[in-house]
Amino acid sequence: MEFYMKLPRNKKEFALFMGIISIISVNIIAPLITCFEAGFHLYVYQDVLTVLPFIWLSVIAIVLLTYVPAEKLTAKIVSKGDSFQAHIVVNILCTVFMMSILLTVIGTWVGTRSITWEPIRMFFFKWPRNFAISLFVEMCIAQPIARLAIHRLHLRMDSKVNS
């Protein structure tokens, strides 16, 4: 029942779900990681705001790129009979794992507005922090809010059908 009520049922709902998660995530994760890199100053945050739309587009593209592989990896780890929470936690872990690998490099390129070897050279120093920040934001903030929004949408839609 939770799968039916708290997750998207069609492409339109998937777009809404992905939009909520990506907007929340990008607005928290990108400034936080940048501030850890360059310092917690107002001018650093203002600079992040100028590239945030481009980072958001990168995130959307990478979500679409990693969606199917993350679903397949999730299916290998959990079984059909496992709980909703188990499926969600494993799916978030798989998705954040794949996305954080790509965004540690691509996000740096977009944020610095230059393609260099630096994010690849420093990957193993920066990726664990980026993964931890992303995992926390996804598990504790973005995904719960998006699932709540979808759940309320489904309750509203189901009440219209029943009345």
C-alpha atoms as a PDB file:
ATOM      1  CA  MET A   1       0.000   0.000   0.000  1.00  0.00           C
ATOM      2  CA  GLU A   2       2.840   2.407   0.807  1.00  0.00           C
ATOM      3  CA  PHE A   3       4.375   1.776  -2.608  1.00  0.00           C
ATOM      4  CA  TYR A   4       1.069   2.733  -4.214  1.00  0.00           C
ATOM      5  CA  MET A   5       0.428   5.797  -2.040  1.00  0.00           C
ATOM      6  CA  LYS A   6       3.897   7.314  -1.519  1.00  0.00           C
ATOM      7  CA  LEU A   7       5.571   6.758  -4.888  1.00  0.00           C
ATOM      8  CA  PRO A   8       4.686   8.111  -8.335  1.00  0.00           C
ATOM      9  CA  ARG A   9       2.109   6.159 -10.324  1.00  0.00           C
ATOM     10  CA  ASN A  10       2.763   7.703 -13.739  1.00  0.00           C
ATOM     11  CA  LYS A  11       5.220   9.871 -15.668  1.00  0.00           C
ATOM     12  CA  LYS A  12       3.561  13.136 -14.644  1.00  0.00           C
ATOM     13  CA  GLU A  13       3.825  12.222 -10.962  1.00  0.00           C
ATOM     14  CA  PHE A  14       7.402  11.021 -11.511  1.00  0.00           C
ATOM     15  CA  ALA A  15       8.279  14.436 -12.971  1.00  0.00           C
ATOM     16  CA  LEU A  16       6.708  16.160  -9.938  1.00  0.00           C
ATOM     17  CA  PHE A  17       8.504  13.786  -7.548  1.00  0.00           C
ATOM     18  CA  MET A  18      11.844  14.302  -9.291  1.00  0.00           C
ATOM     19  CA  GLY A  19      11.277  18.063  -9.432  1.00  0.00           C
ATOM     20  CA  ILE A  20      10.634  18.319  -5.694  1.00  0.00           C
ATOM     21  CA  ILE A  21      13.628  16.177  -4.797  1.00  0.00           C
ATOM     22  CA  SER A  22      16.008  17.860  -7.231  1.00  0.00           C
ATOM     23  CA  ILE A  23      15.068  21.424  -6.284  1.00  0.00           C
ATOM     24  CA  ILE A  24      15.421  20.726  -2.564  1.00  0.00           C
ATOM     25  CA  SER A  25      18.645  18.771  -3.023  1.00  0.00           C
ATOM     26  CA  VAL A  26      20.342  21.246  -5.345  1.00  0.00           C
ATOM     27  CA  ASN A  27      19.470  24.187  -3.113  1.00  0.00           C
ATOM     28  CA  ILE A  28      20.993  22.494  -0.064  1.00  0.00           C
ATOM     29  CA  ILE A  29      23.770  20.232  -1.337  1.00  0.00           C
ATOM     30  CA  ALA A  30      25.465  22.512  -3.901  1.00  0.00           C
ATOM     31  CA  PRO A  31      25.838  25.534  -1.570  1.00  0.00           C
ATOM     32  CA  LEU A  32      26.944  23.327   1.317  1.00  0.00           C
ATOM     33  CA  ILE A  33      29.626  21.505  -0.668  1.00  0.00           C
ATOM     34  CA  THR A  34      30.806  24.771  -2.234  1.00  0.00           C
ATOM     35  CA  CYS A  35      31.034  26.455   1.142  1.00  0.00           C
ATOM     36  CA  PHE A  36      33.089  23.532   2.473  1.00  0.00           C
ATOM     37  CA  GLU A  37      35.403  24.046  -0.514  1.00  0.00           C
ATOM     38  CA  ALA A  38      35.667  27.835  -0.611  1.00  0.00           C
ATOM     39  CA  GLY A  39      34.583  28.935   2.857  1.00  0.00           C
ATOM     40  CA  PHE A  40      31.320  29.919   4.475  1.00  0.00           C
ATOM     41  CA  HIS A  41      31.012  33.483   3.178  1.00  0.00           C
ATOM     42  CA  LEU A  42      28.116  35.389   1.668  1.00  0.00           C
ATOM     43  CA  TYR A  43      29.985  36.030  -1.589  1.00  0.00           C
ATOM     44  CA  VAL A  44      30.619  32.274  -1.977  1.00  0.00           C
ATOM     45  CA  TYR A  45      26.898  31.578  -1.524  1.00  0.00           C
ATOM     46  CA  GLN A  46      26.013  34.339  -4.003  1.00  0.00           C
ATOM     47  CA  ASP A  47      28.414  32.834  -6.529  1.00  0.00           C
ATOM     48  CA  VAL A  48      26.749  29.423  -6.091  1.00  0.00           C
ATOM     49  CA  LEU A  49      23.366  30.999  -6.792  1.00  0.00           C
ATOM     50  CA  THR A  50      24.562  32.140 -10.228  1.00  0.00           C
ATOM     51  CA  VAL A  51      25.410  28.582 -11.318  1.00  0.00           C
ATOM     52  CA  LEU A  52      22.600  26.795  -9.477  1.00  0.00           C
ATOM     53  CA  PRO A  53      20.307  26.536 -12.541  1.00  0.00           C
ATOM     54  CA  PHE A  54      23.083  24.831 -14.499  1.00  0.00           C
ATOM     55  CA  ILE A  55      23.825  22.471 -11.623  1.00  0.00           C
ATOM     56  CA  TRP A  56      20.100  21.688 -11.411  1.00  0.00           C
ATOM     57  CA  LEU A  57      20.034  20.813 -15.124  1.00  0.00           C
ATOM     58  CA  SER A  58      23.068  18.576 -14.594  1.00  0.00           C
ATOM     59  CA  VAL A  59      21.328  16.866 -11.698  1.00  0.00           C
ATOM     60  CA  ILE A  60      18.186  16.235 -13.769  1.00  0.00           C
ATOM     61  CA  ALA A  61      20.271  14.747 -16.590  1.00  0.00           C
ATOM     62  CA  ILE A  62      22.207  12.526 -14.189  1.00  0.00           C
ATOM     63  CA  VAL A  63      19.020  11.388 -12.416  1.00  0.00           C
ATOM     64  CA  LEU A  64      17.617  10.281 -15.758  1.00  0.00           C
ATOM     65  CA  LEU A  65      20.931   8.606 -16.620  1.00  0.00           C
ATOM     66  CA  THR A  66      21.254   6.696 -13.336  1.00  0.00           C
ATOM     67  CA  TYR A  67      17.575   5.910 -12.695  1.00  0.00           C
ATOM     68  CA  VAL A  68      17.463   2.516 -14.436  1.00  0.00           C
ATOM     69  CA  PRO A  69      20.879   1.280 -13.174  1.00  0.00           C
ATOM     70  CA  ALA A  70      19.943   2.298  -9.602  1.00  0.00           C
ATOM     71  CA  GLU A  71      16.615   0.447  -9.891  1.00  0.00           C
ATOM     72  CA  LYS A  72      18.408  -2.682 -11.151  1.00  0.00           C
ATOM     73  CA  LEU A  73      20.987  -2.513  -8.371  1.00  0.00           C
ATOM     74  CA  THR A  74      18.229  -1.998  -5.805  1.00  0.00           C
ATOM     75  CA  ALA A  75      16.380  -5.064  -7.140  1.00  0.00           C
ATOM     76  CA  LYS A  76      19.541  -7.164  -6.693  1.00  0.00           C
ATOM     77  CA  ILE A  77      19.911  -6.085  -3.067  1.00  0.00           C
ATOM     78  CA  VAL A  78      16.317  -6.229  -1.800  1.00  0.00           C
ATOM     79  CA  SER A  79      13.636  -8.783  -2.534  1.00  0.00           C
ATOM     80  CA  LYS A  80       9.969  -8.294  -3.397  1.00  0.00           C
ATOM     81  CA  GLY A  81       8.878  -9.225   0.127  1.00  0.00           C
ATOM     82  CA  ASP A  82      11.060  -6.651   1.889  1.00  0.00           C
ATOM     83  CA  SER A  83       9.435  -3.653   3.541  1.00  0.00           C
ATOM     84  CA  PHE A  84       8.758  -0.321   1.914  1.00  0.00           C
ATOM     85  CA  GLN A  85      11.413   1.287   4.131  1.00  0.00           C
ATOM     86  CA  ALA A  86      14.014  -1.296   3.066  1.00  0.00           C
ATOM     87  CA  HIS A  87      13.295  -0.630  -0.596  1.00  0.00           C
ATOM     88  CA  ILE A  88      13.453   3.143  -0.102  1.00  0.00           C
ATOM     89  CA  VAL A  89      16.697   3.105   1.915  1.00  0.00           C
ATOM     90  CA  VAL A  90      18.481   0.811  -0.537  1.00  0.00           C
ATOM     91  CA  ASN A  91      17.192   2.776  -3.521  1.00  0.00           C
ATOM     92  CA  ILE A  92      18.396   6.054  -1.994  1.00  0.00           C
ATOM     93  CA  LEU A  93      21.801   4.486  -1.245  1.00  0.00           C
ATOM     94  CA  CYS A  94      22.152   3.201  -4.813  1.00  0.00           C
ATOM     95  CA  THR A  95      20.969   6.432  -6.404  1.00  0.00           C
ATOM     96  CA  VAL A  96      23.096   8.706  -4.227  1.00  0.00           C
ATOM     97  CA  PHE A  97      26.116   6.429  -4.715  1.00  0.00           C
ATOM     98  CA  MET A  98      25.904   6.662  -8.519  1.00  0.00           C
ATOM     99  CA  MET A  99      24.942  10.314  -8.668  1.00  0.00           C
ATOM    100  CA  SER A 100      27.575  11.459  -6.188  1.00  0.00           C
ATOM    101  CA  ILE A 101      30.310   9.788  -8.228  1.00  0.00           C
ATOM    102  CA  LEU A 102      29.288  11.653 -11.366  1.00  0.00           C
ATOM    103  CA  LEU A 103      28.423  14.947  -9.686  1.00  0.00           C
ATOM    104  CA  THR A 104      31.681  15.099  -7.732  1.00  0.00           C
ATOM    105  CA  VAL A 105      33.348  15.599 -11.115  1.00  0.00           C
ATOM    106  CA  ILE A 106      30.623  17.199 -13.258  1.00  0.00           C
ATOM    107  CA  GLY A 107      29.317  19.441 -10.470  1.00  0.00           C
ATOM    108  CA  THR A 108      32.826  20.797  -9.930  1.00  0.00           C
ATOM    109  CA  TRP A 109      33.177  21.503 -13.636  1.00  0.00           C
ATOM    110  CA  VAL A 110      29.845  23.330 -13.738  1.00  0.00           C
ATOM    111  CA  GLY A 111      30.507  25.192 -10.487  1.00  0.00           C
ATOM    112  CA  THR A 112      33.996  26.356 -11.466  1.00  0.00           C
ATOM    113  CA  ARG A 113      32.946  26.966 -15.076  1.00  0.00           C
ATOM    114  CA  SER A 114      35.973  25.056 -16.360  1.00  0.00           C
ATOM    115  CA  ILE A 115      36.802  21.483 -17.290  1.00  0.00           C
ATOM    116  CA  THR A 116      40.034  20.445 -15.594  1.00  0.00           C
ATOM    117  CA  TRP A 117      41.619  17.306 -14.177  1.00  0.00           C
ATOM    118  CA  GLU A 118      41.350  18.715 -10.632  1.00  0.00           C
ATOM    119  CA  PRO A 119      38.043  17.023  -9.638  1.00  0.00           C
ATOM    120  CA  ILE A 120      39.301  13.704 -10.995  1.00  0.00           C
ATOM    121  CA  ARG A 121      42.671  14.074  -9.272  1.00  0.00           C
ATOM    122  CA  MET A 122      41.027  14.995  -5.949  1.00  0.00           C
ATOM    123  CA  PHE A 123      38.095  12.582  -6.355  1.00  0.00           C
ATOM    124  CA  PHE A 124      38.883  10.200  -3.481  1.00  0.00           C
ATOM    125  CA  PHE A 125      39.415  13.112  -1.099  1.00  0.00           C
ATOM    126  CA  LYS A 126      36.162  14.890  -1.951  1.00  0.00           C
ATOM    127  CA  TRP A 127      33.736  12.132  -2.896  1.00  0.00           C
ATOM    128  CA  PRO A 128      33.220  10.650   0.629  1.00  0.00           C
ATOM    129  CA  ARG A 129      32.188  14.055   1.997  1.00  0.00           C
ATOM    130  CA  ASN A 130      29.949  14.745  -0.995  1.00  0.00           C
ATOM    131  CA  PHE A 131      28.348  11.306  -0.661  1.00  0.00           C
ATOM    132  CA  ALA A 132      27.688  11.771   3.071  1.00  0.00           C
ATOM    133  CA  ILE A 133      26.132  15.216   2.603  1.00  0.00           C
ATOM    134  CA  SER A 134      23.996  14.018  -0.306  1.00  0.00           C
ATOM    135  CA  LEU A 135      22.883  10.879   1.507  1.00  0.00           C
ATOM    136  CA  PHE A 136      21.806  12.857   4.573  1.00  0.00           C
ATOM    137  CA  VAL A 137      19.887  15.437   2.525  1.00  0.00           C
ATOM    138  CA  GLU A 138      18.171  12.773   0.408  1.00  0.00           C
ATOM    139  CA  MET A 139      17.228  10.471   3.287  1.00  0.00           C
ATOM    140  CA  CYS A 140      16.247  13.053   5.867  1.00  0.00           C
ATOM    141  CA  ILE A 141      14.964  16.049   3.900  1.00  0.00           C
ATOM    142  CA  ALA A 142      14.302  15.783   0.154  1.00  0.00           C
ATOM    143  CA  GLN A 143      12.850  12.285  -0.223  1.00  0.00           C
ATOM    144  CA  PRO A 144      10.534  12.441   2.820  1.00  0.00           C
ATOM    145  CA  ILE A 145       9.126  15.782   1.634  1.00  0.00           C
ATOM    146  CA  ALA A 146       8.605  14.456  -1.897  1.00  0.00           C
ATOM    147  CA  ARG A 147       6.948  11.245  -0.650  1.00  0.00           C
ATOM    148  CA  LEU A 148       4.671  13.300   1.607  1.00  0.00           C
ATOM    149  CA  ALA A 149       3.683  15.500  -1.335  1.00  0.00           C
ATOM    150  CA  ILE A 150       2.938  12.458  -3.513  1.00  0.00           C
ATOM    151  CA  HIS A 151       1.017  10.807  -0.669  1.00  0.00           C
ATOM    152  CA  ARG A 152      -1.170  13.903  -0.225  1.00  0.00           C
ATOM    153  CA  LEU A 153      -1.684  14.135  -3.975  1.00  0.00           C
ATOM    154  CA  HIS A 154      -2.823  10.509  -4.058  1.00  0.00           C
ATOM    155  CA  LEU A 155      -5.159  11.006  -1.092  1.00  0.00           C
ATOM    156  CA  ARG A 156      -6.721  14.003  -2.841  1.00  0.00           C
ATOM    157  CA  MET A 157      -7.026  12.145  -6.162  1.00  0.00           C
ATOM    158  CA  ASP A 158      -8.474   9.020  -4.515  1.00  0.00           C
ATOM    159  CA  SER A 159     -11.021  11.056  -2.548  1.00  0.00           C
ATOM    160  CA  LYS A 160     -12.194  12.702  -5.796  1.00  0.00           C
ATOM    161  CA  VAL A 161     -12.614   9.281  -7.411  1.00  0.00           C
ATOM    162  CA  ASN A 162     -14.539   7.906  -4.410  1.00  0.00           C
ATOM    163  CA  SER A 163     -16.928  10.862  -4.160  1.00  0.00           C
END
